[in-house]
Protein backbone atom coordinates (compact mmCIF):
# COMPACT_ATOMS: atom_id res chain seq x y z
CA MET A 1 0.00 0.00 0.00
CA ASN A 2 1.47 3.33 -1.03
CA ARG A 3 -0.37 5.76 1.25
CA LEU A 4 0.13 7.13 4.71
CA GLN A 5 -1.31 4.78 7.33
CA LYS A 6 -2.12 5.22 11.01
CA PHE A 7 -1.00 2.68 13.63
CA ILE A 8 -2.17 2.59 17.24
CA GLU A 9 -0.03 0.98 19.92
CA GLN A 10 -2.22 -1.51 21.82
CA GLY A 11 -1.82 -4.27 24.34
CA ALA A 12 -3.18 -7.82 24.04
CA TYR A 13 -6.52 -6.85 25.61
CA GLY A 14 -7.04 -3.65 23.60
CA GLU A 15 -5.51 -1.28 26.16
CA LYS A 16 -3.92 1.71 24.46
CA SER A 17 -0.56 3.20 25.40
CA GLY A 18 -1.36 6.64 24.00
CA ARG A 19 1.18 6.36 21.20
CA VAL A 20 0.07 6.71 17.59
CA ALA A 21 2.35 6.30 14.58
CA TYR A 22 2.00 7.35 10.98
CA ALA A 23 3.95 5.51 8.28
CA PHE A 24 3.72 4.25 4.73
CA LYS A 25 4.51 0.68 5.79
CA SER A 26 4.56 -1.16 9.09
CA SER A 27 8.18 -2.25 8.62
CA ALA A 28 9.25 1.41 9.02
CA LEU A 29 7.78 1.67 12.54
CA PRO A 30 9.96 1.74 15.65
CA PRO A 31 9.60 -1.18 18.06
CA PRO A 32 6.42 -1.00 20.16
CA SER A 33 6.57 -0.55 23.91
CA LYS A 34 6.87 -3.69 25.99
CA GLY A 35 3.63 -5.71 26.00
CA THR A 36 2.11 -3.87 23.04
CA ASP A 37 1.93 -4.14 19.25
CA TRP A 38 1.23 -1.68 16.48
CA GLN A 39 -2.31 -2.12 15.10
CA MET A 40 -3.28 -0.49 11.79
CA ALA A 41 -6.33 1.80 11.90
CA PRO A 42 -8.19 0.59 8.77
CA SER A 43 -10.56 3.54 8.45
CA PHE A 44 -7.80 6.20 8.60
CA SER A 45 -8.03 9.09 6.15
CA ALA A 46 -5.17 11.58 6.22
CA ALA A 47 -7.39 14.31 4.75
CA ASP A 48 -10.11 13.79 7.37
CA GLU A 49 -7.53 13.79 10.18
CA LEU A 50 -6.04 17.08 8.93
CA LEU A 51 -9.47 18.68 8.89
CA LYS A 52 -9.92 17.68 12.56
CA ASP A 53 -6.40 18.59 13.69
CA GLU A 54 -4.32 21.01 11.62
CA GLY A 55 -1.32 20.31 13.87
CA LEU A 56 -0.91 16.93 12.20
CA LYS A 57 0.53 18.66 9.13
CA GLU A 58 4.01 18.69 10.72
CA VAL A 59 3.59 15.10 11.92
CA PHE A 60 2.67 13.95 8.41
CA LYS A 61 5.64 15.87 6.98
CA THR A 62 7.95 14.07 9.42
CA ALA A 63 6.45 10.72 8.39
CA ILE A 64 7.09 11.54 4.75
CA ASP A 65 10.68 12.67 5.43
CA LYS A 66 11.71 9.94 7.94
CA GLY A 67 9.41 7.11 6.92
CA TYR A 68 7.40 7.34 10.15
CA ALA A 69 6.34 9.70 12.92
CA VAL A 70 5.19 8.81 16.44
CA VAL A 71 3.05 11.03 18.64
CA THR A 72 1.95 10.49 22.22
CA ARG A 73 -1.50 11.66 23.20
């Protein structure tokens, strides 16, 4: 897949760490925190996310430049 994707760091029982990553492929992601895995958000739309949060523009630019970007919420 050749588009920006959103990954959410989650534990085995669905608990979320608060970290979200944006990348073009999962192999570009940094290792997840202990006891968690990166889960792709299938309904992610970069355009819709930007409309909700204009601050993601810099995050998306970092993902394009570095291959990924991680934010903690």
